[in-house]
Amino acid sequence: MNHILYKMYDIHCIKSKTYFMNNINIFMNQIFIDIYGLIYFESSNGDFSVFDDSDIIEYELHFDKNILNIRGDQLAMGVDTFINKKCKDLDMDEFGILKKIKLNEMTSVKQAIGEPLRAIQKIVYQSTQTGISLIFKDMKMIFINLGDEIYIYNHLTQELLHDGYQEICE
């Protein structure tokens, strides 16, 4: 279902891998303030506080000077990043609703709130950039595309490392 949502909601963007890293380097040393998720719900009549991580299709990270938007790419293999693009609620009638919800209390992000971004690294699988790692003083937030769904981890799990995912320093 998420693949269909990307097609309905997507803005086309073509960029090189070099542009990707240079583009988001403006976030270095900025203070991480908030995180929001654009979350898919089957109905607009439900409880918007209950969802699975796999229902989050886009992330909006607020820093003190800019906003970093992260979501899956067109091929469902990597991530696309956008600067100062905000997520918006979208009612898709019988197909469901996309709702922007604050995610500051997620275990994988709340320790980074108020911290400056110290480093950015690529996550690579079989020569394809599948995610990014945002490194703060005492933690990491790894945004990784695992086949049409973006997940947040604080470290690459043993399973991901065993499968061949790597964190690349630049």
N, C-alpha and C. Protein backbone atom coordinates (compact mmCIF):
# COMPACT_ATOMS: atom_id res chain seq x y z
N MET A 1 0.82 -1.20 0.00
CA MET A 1 0.00 0.00 0.00
C MET A 1 0.86 1.26 0.00
N ASN A 2 1.98 1.25 0.75
CA ASN A 2 2.81 2.45 0.81
C ASN A 2 3.33 2.88 -0.55
N HIS A 3 3.64 1.90 -1.43
CA HIS A 3 4.15 2.25 -2.75
C HIS A 3 3.13 3.09 -3.52
N ILE A 4 1.86 2.74 -3.41
CA ILE A 4 0.79 3.51 -4.06
C ILE A 4 0.73 4.91 -3.46
N LEU A 5 0.88 5.03 -2.14
CA LEU A 5 0.84 6.33 -1.49
C LEU A 5 1.97 7.22 -1.99
N TYR A 6 3.16 6.66 -2.17
CA TYR A 6 4.27 7.45 -2.67
C TYR A 6 3.94 8.01 -4.04
N LYS A 7 3.33 7.21 -4.89
CA LYS A 7 3.00 7.67 -6.24
C LYS A 7 1.98 8.81 -6.19
N MET A 8 1.01 8.72 -5.27
CA MET A 8 -0.03 9.74 -5.19
C MET A 8 0.52 11.04 -4.59
N TYR A 9 1.49 10.93 -3.69
CA TYR A 9 1.92 12.06 -2.88
C TYR A 9 3.25 12.63 -3.33
N ASP A 10 3.95 11.98 -4.23
CA ASP A 10 5.34 12.27 -4.49
C ASP A 10 5.59 13.56 -5.26
N ILE A 11 6.72 14.17 -4.96
CA ILE A 11 7.26 15.28 -5.73
C ILE A 11 8.54 14.74 -6.33
N HIS A 12 8.71 14.87 -7.63
CA HIS A 12 9.86 14.27 -8.30
C HIS A 12 11.11 15.10 -8.04
N CYS A 13 12.19 14.43 -7.73
CA CYS A 13 13.46 15.09 -7.45
C CYS A 13 14.59 14.20 -7.94
N ILE A 14 15.47 14.74 -8.75
CA ILE A 14 16.62 13.99 -9.24
C ILE A 14 17.87 14.69 -8.73
N LYS A 15 18.75 13.92 -8.11
CA LYS A 15 19.99 14.51 -7.61
C LYS A 15 21.07 13.45 -7.58
N SER A 16 22.31 13.90 -7.63
CA SER A 16 23.42 12.97 -7.55
C SER A 16 23.70 12.64 -6.09
N LYS A 17 24.46 11.57 -5.85
CA LYS A 17 24.84 11.20 -4.49
C LYS A 17 25.70 12.29 -3.85
N THR A 18 26.56 12.94 -4.62
CA THR A 18 27.39 14.02 -4.08
C THR A 18 26.51 15.17 -3.64
N TYR A 19 25.53 15.53 -4.45
CA TYR A 19 24.60 16.60 -4.09
C TYR A 19 23.86 16.25 -2.81
N PHE A 20 23.50 14.98 -2.66
CA PHE A 20 22.79 14.52 -1.47
C PHE A 20 23.55 14.88 -0.20
N MET A 21 24.82 14.49 -0.12
CA MET A 21 25.59 14.73 1.09
C MET A 21 25.91 16.23 1.27
N ASN A 22 26.27 16.92 0.20
CA ASN A 22 26.56 18.34 0.32
C ASN A 22 25.31 19.11 0.72
N ASN A 23 24.20 18.70 0.20
CA ASN A 23 22.93 19.35 0.45
C ASN A 23 22.59 19.35 1.94
N ILE A 24 22.73 18.22 2.60
CA ILE A 24 22.31 18.14 4.00
C ILE A 24 23.40 18.53 4.98
N ASN A 25 24.60 18.81 4.49
CA ASN A 25 25.66 19.25 5.40
C ASN A 25 25.36 20.60 6.05
N ILE A 26 24.40 21.35 5.53
CA ILE A 26 24.02 22.62 6.17
C ILE A 26 23.45 22.39 7.56
N PHE A 27 23.06 21.15 7.89
CA PHE A 27 22.49 20.85 9.20
C PHE A 27 23.55 20.62 10.27
N MET A 28 24.81 20.54 9.86
CA MET A 28 25.89 20.32 10.82
C MET A 28 25.89 21.41 11.89
N ASN A 29 25.99 20.98 13.15
CA ASN A 29 26.03 21.85 14.34
C ASN A 29 24.71 22.56 14.63
N GLN A 30 23.67 22.31 13.85
CA GLN A 30 22.36 22.86 14.19
C GLN A 30 21.74 22.03 15.31
N ILE A 31 20.94 22.67 16.14
CA ILE A 31 20.28 22.02 17.28
C ILE A 31 19.02 21.32 16.80
N PHE A 32 18.88 20.04 17.16
CA PHE A 32 17.69 19.25 16.83
C PHE A 32 16.57 19.63 17.80
N ILE A 33 15.44 20.08 17.25
CA ILE A 33 14.34 20.60 18.07
C ILE A 33 13.16 19.63 18.18
N ASP A 34 12.63 19.19 17.03
CA ASP A 34 11.41 18.36 16.97
C ASP A 34 11.49 17.39 15.81
N ILE A 35 10.65 16.35 15.89
CA ILE A 35 10.48 15.44 14.76
C ILE A 35 8.99 15.14 14.59
N TYR A 36 8.56 15.14 13.34
CA TYR A 36 7.18 14.81 12.99
C TYR A 36 7.22 13.66 11.99
N GLY A 37 6.16 12.90 11.95
CA GLY A 37 6.02 11.85 10.96
C GLY A 37 4.74 12.03 10.17
N LEU A 38 4.78 11.73 8.89
CA LEU A 38 3.58 11.69 8.07
C LEU A 38 3.16 10.23 8.08
N ILE A 39 2.02 9.96 8.68
CA ILE A 39 1.62 8.59 9.00
C ILE A 39 0.34 8.23 8.25
N TYR A 40 0.35 7.03 7.68
CA TYR A 40 -0.81 6.53 6.94
C TYR A 40 -1.79 5.87 7.90
N PHE A 41 -3.06 6.27 7.78
CA PHE A 41 -4.17 5.63 8.51
C PHE A 41 -5.23 5.23 7.50
N GLU A 42 -5.83 4.08 7.70
CA GLU A 42 -6.85 3.59 6.77
C GLU A 42 -8.12 4.42 6.79
N SER A 43 -8.39 5.05 7.94
CA SER A 43 -9.63 5.81 8.08
C SER A 43 -9.35 7.13 8.78
N SER A 44 -10.13 8.15 8.46
CA SER A 44 -9.99 9.44 9.13
C SER A 44 -10.78 9.48 10.44
N ASN A 45 -11.45 8.38 10.78
CA ASN A 45 -12.28 8.33 11.98
C ASN A 45 -11.61 7.59 13.14
N GLY A 46 -10.37 7.17 12.98
CA GLY A 46 -9.72 6.35 13.99
C GLY A 46 -8.97 7.14 15.04
N ASP A 47 -8.26 6.41 15.90
CA ASP A 47 -7.41 6.97 16.93
C ASP A 47 -6.04 7.23 16.31
N PHE A 48 -5.67 8.50 16.18
CA PHE A 48 -4.42 8.85 15.52
C PHE A 48 -3.20 8.68 16.43
N SER A 49 -3.41 8.24 17.66
CA SER A 49 -2.26 8.03 18.55
C SER A 49 -1.76 6.59 18.48
N VAL A 50 -2.47 5.73 17.74
CA VAL A 50 -2.08 4.32 17.64
C VAL A 50 -1.69 4.02 16.19
N PHE A 51 -0.40 3.66 15.99
CA PHE A 51 0.09 3.34 14.64
C PHE A 51 1.34 2.49 14.77
N ASP A 52 1.68 1.82 13.68
CA ASP A 52 2.92 1.04 13.62
C ASP A 52 4.01 1.91 13.00
N ASP A 53 5.25 1.63 13.35
CA ASP A 53 6.37 2.35 12.74
C ASP A 53 6.34 2.22 11.22
N SER A 54 5.87 1.08 10.72
CA SER A 54 5.82 0.86 9.27
C SER A 54 4.79 1.76 8.58
N ASP A 55 3.92 2.42 9.34
CA ASP A 55 2.93 3.33 8.77
C ASP A 55 3.49 4.74 8.56
N ILE A 56 4.71 5.02 9.06
CA ILE A 56 5.32 6.33 8.90
C ILE A 56 6.00 6.35 7.53
N ILE A 57 5.54 7.22 6.66
CA ILE A 57 6.09 7.23 5.29
C ILE A 57 7.03 8.40 5.03
N GLU A 58 7.07 9.34 5.97
CA GLU A 58 7.92 10.51 5.78
C GLU A 58 8.24 11.11 7.15
N TYR A 59 9.46 11.63 7.30
CA TYR A 59 9.87 12.27 8.54
C TYR A 59 10.23 13.72 8.28
N GLU A 60 9.88 14.58 9.22
CA GLU A 60 10.19 16.01 9.16
C GLU A 60 10.93 16.37 10.44
N LEU A 61 12.22 16.65 10.32
CA LEU A 61 13.06 16.97 11.46
C LEU A 61 13.31 18.47 11.52
N HIS A 62 12.96 19.07 12.64
CA HIS A 62 13.14 20.50 12.83
C HIS A 62 14.45 20.75 13.57
N PHE A 63 15.32 21.53 12.95
CA PHE A 63 16.53 22.00 13.60
C PHE A 63 16.35 23.48 13.86
N ASP A 64 17.30 24.10 14.55
CA ASP A 64 17.10 25.51 14.92
C ASP A 64 17.06 26.45 13.73
N LYS A 65 17.65 26.07 12.58
CA LYS A 65 17.66 26.98 11.43
C LYS A 65 16.94 26.43 10.20
N ASN A 66 16.80 25.12 10.09
CA ASN A 66 16.22 24.51 8.90
C ASN A 66 15.40 23.28 9.26
N ILE A 67 14.67 22.78 8.26
CA ILE A 67 13.90 21.55 8.39
C ILE A 67 14.47 20.53 7.41
N LEU A 68 14.69 19.30 7.90
CA LEU A 68 15.16 18.20 7.06
C LEU A 68 14.01 17.21 6.90
N ASN A 69 13.64 16.95 5.65
CA ASN A 69 12.57 16.01 5.35
C ASN A 69 13.22 14.75 4.77
N ILE A 70 12.85 13.58 5.30
CA ILE A 70 13.42 12.30 4.86
C ILE A 70 12.27 11.37 4.50
N ARG A 71 12.39 10.74 3.33
CA ARG A 71 11.39 9.75 2.92
C ARG A 71 12.01 8.80 1.91
N GLY A 72 11.28 7.74 1.59
CA GLY A 72 11.76 6.76 0.64
C GLY A 72 11.85 7.32 -0.76
N ASP A 73 12.80 6.79 -1.53
CA ASP A 73 12.96 7.26 -2.90
C ASP A 73 11.99 6.54 -3.84
N GLN A 74 12.03 6.91 -5.11
CA GLN A 74 11.12 6.36 -6.12
C GLN A 74 11.29 4.85 -6.32
N LEU A 75 12.50 4.34 -6.08
CA LEU A 75 12.77 2.92 -6.33
C LEU A 75 12.53 2.05 -5.12
N ALA A 76 12.13 2.65 -3.98
CA ALA A 76 11.90 1.94 -2.73
C ALA A 76 13.17 1.24 -2.26
N MET A 77 14.32 1.87 -2.52
CA MET A 77 15.60 1.30 -2.11
C MET A 77 16.41 2.26 -1.24
N GLY A 78 16.25 3.54 -1.43
CA GLY A 78 17.05 4.52 -0.72
C GLY A 78 16.19 5.57 -0.06
N VAL A 79 16.81 6.69 0.27
CA VAL A 79 16.07 7.80 0.88
C VAL A 79 16.28 9.05 0.05
N ASP A 80 15.28 9.89 0.03
CA ASP A 80 15.38 11.23 -0.54
C ASP A 80 15.34 12.21 0.62
N THR A 81 16.09 13.30 0.51
CA THR A 81 16.07 14.34 1.52
C THR A 81 15.70 15.66 0.87
N PHE A 82 14.99 16.46 1.61
CA PHE A 82 14.58 17.78 1.14
C PHE A 82 14.81 18.77 2.27
N ILE A 83 15.17 19.98 1.93
CA ILE A 83 15.40 21.02 2.92
C ILE A 83 14.20 21.96 2.95
N ASN A 84 13.72 22.21 4.17
CA ASN A 84 12.63 23.15 4.44
C ASN A 84 11.32 22.77 3.75
N LYS A 85 11.11 21.48 3.52
CA LYS A 85 9.83 20.98 3.02
C LYS A 85 9.06 20.42 4.21
N LYS A 86 7.85 20.89 4.40
CA LYS A 86 7.03 20.42 5.51
C LYS A 86 6.04 19.36 5.04
N CYS A 87 5.80 18.39 5.90
CA CYS A 87 4.76 17.39 5.65
C CYS A 87 3.40 18.06 5.81
N LYS A 88 2.43 17.56 5.07
CA LYS A 88 1.08 18.09 5.17
C LYS A 88 0.09 16.95 5.26
N ASP A 89 -0.96 17.14 6.07
CA ASP A 89 -2.05 16.16 6.12
C ASP A 89 -2.66 16.04 4.73
N LEU A 90 -3.10 14.84 4.40
CA LEU A 90 -3.73 14.62 3.11
C LEU A 90 -4.85 13.60 3.26
N ASP A 91 -6.07 14.02 2.98
CA ASP A 91 -7.22 13.11 3.00
C ASP A 91 -7.39 12.53 1.61
N MET A 92 -7.25 11.20 1.52
CA MET A 92 -7.33 10.52 0.23
C MET A 92 -8.66 9.77 0.07
N ASP A 93 -9.68 10.29 0.73
CA ASP A 93 -11.03 9.71 0.67
C ASP A 93 -11.01 8.24 1.03
N GLU A 94 -11.48 7.37 0.15
CA GLU A 94 -11.59 5.94 0.47
C GLU A 94 -10.24 5.23 0.59
N PHE A 95 -9.15 5.89 0.20
CA PHE A 95 -7.82 5.27 0.31
C PHE A 95 -7.16 5.51 1.66
N GLY A 96 -7.75 6.35 2.51
CA GLY A 96 -7.21 6.62 3.84
C GLY A 96 -6.79 8.06 3.99
N ILE A 97 -5.96 8.29 5.00
CA ILE A 97 -5.52 9.64 5.32
C ILE A 97 -4.04 9.61 5.70
N LEU A 98 -3.31 10.67 5.34
CA LEU A 98 -1.95 10.88 5.81
C LEU A 98 -2.03 12.00 6.84
N LYS A 99 -1.54 11.72 8.03
CA LYS A 99 -1.66 12.66 9.15
C LYS A 99 -0.27 12.98 9.70
N LYS A 100 0.03 14.27 9.88
CA LYS A 100 1.29 14.72 10.46
C LYS A 100 1.17 14.68 11.98
N ILE A 101 2.08 13.92 12.62
CA ILE A 101 2.03 13.73 14.07
C ILE A 101 3.42 13.94 14.66
N LYS A 102 3.48 14.62 15.80
CA LYS A 102 4.75 14.86 16.50
C LYS A 102 5.24 13.54 17.11
N LEU A 103 6.54 13.25 16.92
CA LEU A 103 7.12 11.97 17.36
C LEU A 103 8.24 12.16 18.38
N ASN A 104 8.29 13.27 19.07
CA ASN A 104 9.39 13.55 20.01
C ASN A 104 9.55 12.51 21.11
N GLU A 105 8.51 11.79 21.44
CA GLU A 105 8.58 10.82 22.54
C GLU A 105 9.03 9.43 22.11
N MET A 106 9.30 9.25 20.82
CA MET A 106 9.82 7.94 20.37
C MET A 106 11.16 7.69 21.05
N THR A 107 11.36 6.49 21.53
CA THR A 107 12.60 6.12 22.20
C THR A 107 13.82 6.38 21.32
N SER A 108 13.69 6.15 20.03
CA SER A 108 14.83 6.27 19.13
C SER A 108 15.22 7.72 18.82
N VAL A 109 14.46 8.71 19.29
CA VAL A 109 14.78 10.11 18.98
C VAL A 109 14.84 11.03 20.19
N LYS A 110 14.16 10.72 21.28
CA LYS A 110 14.00 11.73 22.33
C LYS A 110 15.29 12.15 23.01
N GLN A 111 16.31 11.29 23.05
CA GLN A 111 17.58 11.66 23.65
C GLN A 111 18.33 12.71 22.81
N ALA A 112 18.02 12.80 21.53
CA ALA A 112 18.71 13.76 20.65
C ALA A 112 18.10 15.15 20.69
N ILE A 113 16.90 15.29 21.21
CA ILE A 113 16.23 16.59 21.28
C ILE A 113 17.12 17.56 22.08
N GLY A 114 17.38 18.73 21.49
CA GLY A 114 18.20 19.74 22.14
C GLY A 114 19.69 19.60 21.90
N GLU A 115 20.09 18.57 21.15
CA GLU A 115 21.50 18.32 20.87
C GLU A 115 21.89 18.83 19.48
N PRO A 116 23.14 19.29 19.31
CA PRO A 116 23.61 19.68 17.98
C PRO A 116 23.96 18.44 17.15
N LEU A 117 23.72 18.53 15.85
CA LEU A 117 24.10 17.46 14.93
C LEU A 117 25.61 17.54 14.71
N ARG A 118 26.31 16.44 14.98
CA ARG A 118 27.78 16.44 14.93
C ARG A 118 28.33 15.82 13.65
N ALA A 119 27.61 14.86 13.07
CA ALA A 119 28.11 14.21 11.85
C ALA A 119 26.95 13.59 11.10
N ILE A 120 27.18 13.38 9.79
CA ILE A 120 26.21 12.72 8.92
C ILE A 120 26.96 11.64 8.16
N GLN A 121 26.40 10.43 8.14
CA GLN A 121 27.02 9.33 7.42
C GLN A 121 26.00 8.65 6.53
N LYS A 122 26.50 8.00 5.50
CA LYS A 122 25.64 7.23 4.60
C LYS A 122 25.45 5.82 5.13
N ILE A 123 24.29 5.24 4.86
CA ILE A 123 24.06 3.82 5.08
C ILE A 123 23.98 3.20 3.68
N VAL A 124 24.80 2.18 3.45
CA VAL A 124 24.92 1.59 2.12
C VAL A 124 24.64 0.10 2.19
N TYR A 125 23.91 -0.39 1.19
CA TYR A 125 23.66 -1.82 1.02
C TYR A 125 23.88 -2.16 -0.45
N GLN A 126 24.77 -3.06 -0.73
CA GLN A 126 25.09 -3.48 -2.10
C GLN A 126 25.32 -2.27 -3.02
N SER A 127 26.17 -1.37 -2.59
CA SER A 127 26.58 -0.17 -3.35
C SER A 127 25.46 0.86 -3.54
N THR A 128 24.33 0.67 -2.90
CA THR A 128 23.23 1.63 -2.99
C THR A 128 23.04 2.32 -1.64
N GLN A 129 22.94 3.65 -1.68
CA GLN A 129 22.68 4.37 -0.43
C GLN A 129 21.24 4.13 -0.03
N THR A 130 21.05 3.45 1.10
CA THR A 130 19.72 3.10 1.56
C THR A 130 19.27 3.92 2.76
N GLY A 131 20.15 4.76 3.28
CA GLY A 131 19.77 5.56 4.44
C GLY A 131 20.84 6.55 4.83
N ILE A 132 20.55 7.27 5.92
CA ILE A 132 21.51 8.20 6.49
C ILE A 132 21.54 8.03 8.00
N SER A 133 22.69 8.35 8.55
CA SER A 133 22.88 8.31 10.00
C SER A 133 23.17 9.72 10.47
N LEU A 134 22.35 10.21 11.38
CA LEU A 134 22.57 11.53 11.98
C LEU A 134 23.18 11.29 13.35
N ILE A 135 24.36 11.84 13.59
CA ILE A 135 25.09 11.55 14.81
C ILE A 135 25.09 12.77 15.72
N PHE A 136 24.63 12.54 16.94
CA PHE A 136 24.58 13.57 17.97
C PHE A 136 25.60 13.21 19.04
N LYS A 137 25.67 13.98 20.11
CA LYS A 137 26.69 13.77 21.14
C LYS A 137 26.69 12.34 21.69
N ASP A 138 25.56 11.87 22.12
CA ASP A 138 25.49 10.57 22.79
C ASP A 138 24.67 9.52 22.05
N MET A 139 24.29 9.80 20.82
CA MET A 139 23.44 8.83 20.11
C MET A 139 23.45 9.07 18.61
N LYS A 140 22.90 8.08 17.90
CA LYS A 140 22.68 8.17 16.46
C LYS A 140 21.21 7.99 16.18
N MET A 141 20.76 8.61 15.09
CA MET A 141 19.45 8.31 14.52
C MET A 141 19.72 7.86 13.10
N ILE A 142 19.47 6.58 12.84
CA ILE A 142 19.68 6.02 11.52
C ILE A 142 18.34 5.87 10.83
N PHE A 143 18.18 6.57 9.71
CA PHE A 143 16.98 6.46 8.89
C PHE A 143 17.33 5.53 7.74
N ILE A 144 16.64 4.40 7.65
CA ILE A 144 17.01 3.40 6.66
C ILE A 144 15.76 2.89 5.94
N ASN A 145 15.88 2.77 4.63
CA ASN A 145 14.79 2.26 3.81
C ASN A 145 14.93 0.74 3.73
N LEU A 146 13.93 0.06 4.25
CA LEU A 146 13.92 -1.41 4.21
C LEU A 146 12.77 -1.87 3.31
N GLY A 147 12.80 -1.42 2.06
CA GLY A 147 11.81 -1.86 1.08
C GLY A 147 10.48 -1.16 1.21
N ASP A 148 10.46 0.10 0.85
CA ASP A 148 9.23 0.91 0.83
C ASP A 148 8.80 1.41 2.21
N GLU A 149 9.59 1.16 3.23
CA GLU A 149 9.29 1.67 4.56
C GLU A 149 10.56 2.23 5.16
N ILE A 150 10.46 3.40 5.81
CA ILE A 150 11.61 4.03 6.44
C ILE A 150 11.53 3.76 7.94
N TYR A 151 12.59 3.23 8.49
CA TYR A 151 12.66 2.94 9.92
C TYR A 151 13.75 3.78 10.56
N ILE A 152 13.62 4.03 11.87
CA ILE A 152 14.65 4.72 12.64
C ILE A 152 15.25 3.72 13.62
N TYR A 153 16.58 3.66 13.59
CA TYR A 153 17.33 2.85 14.54
C TYR A 153 18.37 3.75 15.22
N ASN A 154 18.86 3.31 16.38
CA ASN A 154 19.96 4.01 17.02
C ASN A 154 21.31 3.40 16.66
N HIS A 155 21.29 2.24 16.06
CA HIS A 155 22.50 1.58 15.57
C HIS A 155 22.06 0.54 14.53
N LEU A 156 22.99 0.15 13.67
CA LEU A 156 22.68 -0.92 12.73
C LEU A 156 22.62 -2.23 13.52
N THR A 157 21.52 -2.93 13.41
CA THR A 157 21.36 -4.18 14.16
C THR A 157 22.31 -5.25 13.62
N GLN A 158 22.55 -6.28 14.40
CA GLN A 158 23.40 -7.39 13.96
C GLN A 158 22.83 -8.03 12.69
N GLU A 159 21.52 -8.11 12.60
CA GLU A 159 20.88 -8.68 11.41
C GLU A 159 21.19 -7.84 10.16
N LEU A 160 21.08 -6.52 10.28
CA LEU A 160 21.38 -5.64 9.15
C LEU A 160 22.86 -5.71 8.77
N LEU A 161 23.74 -5.72 9.76
CA LEU A 161 25.17 -5.85 9.49
C LEU A 161 25.47 -7.18 8.80
N HIS A 162 24.85 -8.25 9.28
CA HIS A 162 25.04 -9.58 8.68
C HIS A 162 24.56 -9.60 7.23
N ASP A 163 23.47 -8.88 6.95
CA ASP A 163 22.93 -8.82 5.58
C ASP A 163 23.78 -7.97 4.65
N GLY A 164 24.71 -7.18 5.21
CA GLY A 164 25.60 -6.39 4.36
C GLY A 164 25.41 -4.89 4.41
N TYR A 165 24.55 -4.39 5.30
CA TYR A 165 24.40 -2.95 5.44
C TYR A 165 25.64 -2.38 6.12
N GLN A 166 26.10 -1.20 5.66
CA GLN A 166 27.29 -0.58 6.20
C GLN A 166 27.06 0.89 6.44
N GLU A 167 27.73 1.40 7.45
CA GLU A 167 27.73 2.84 7.72
C GLU A 167 29.03 3.39 7.15
N ILE A 168 28.94 4.35 6.23
CA ILE A 168 30.10 4.87 5.53
C ILE A 168 30.41 6.29 6.02
N CYS A 169 31.62 6.49 6.52
CA CYS A 169 32.07 7.83 6.96
C CYS A 169 32.60 8.58 5.76
N GLU A 170 32.31 9.85 5.68
CA GLU A 170 32.86 10.69 4.60
C GLU A 170 33.61 11.86 5.17
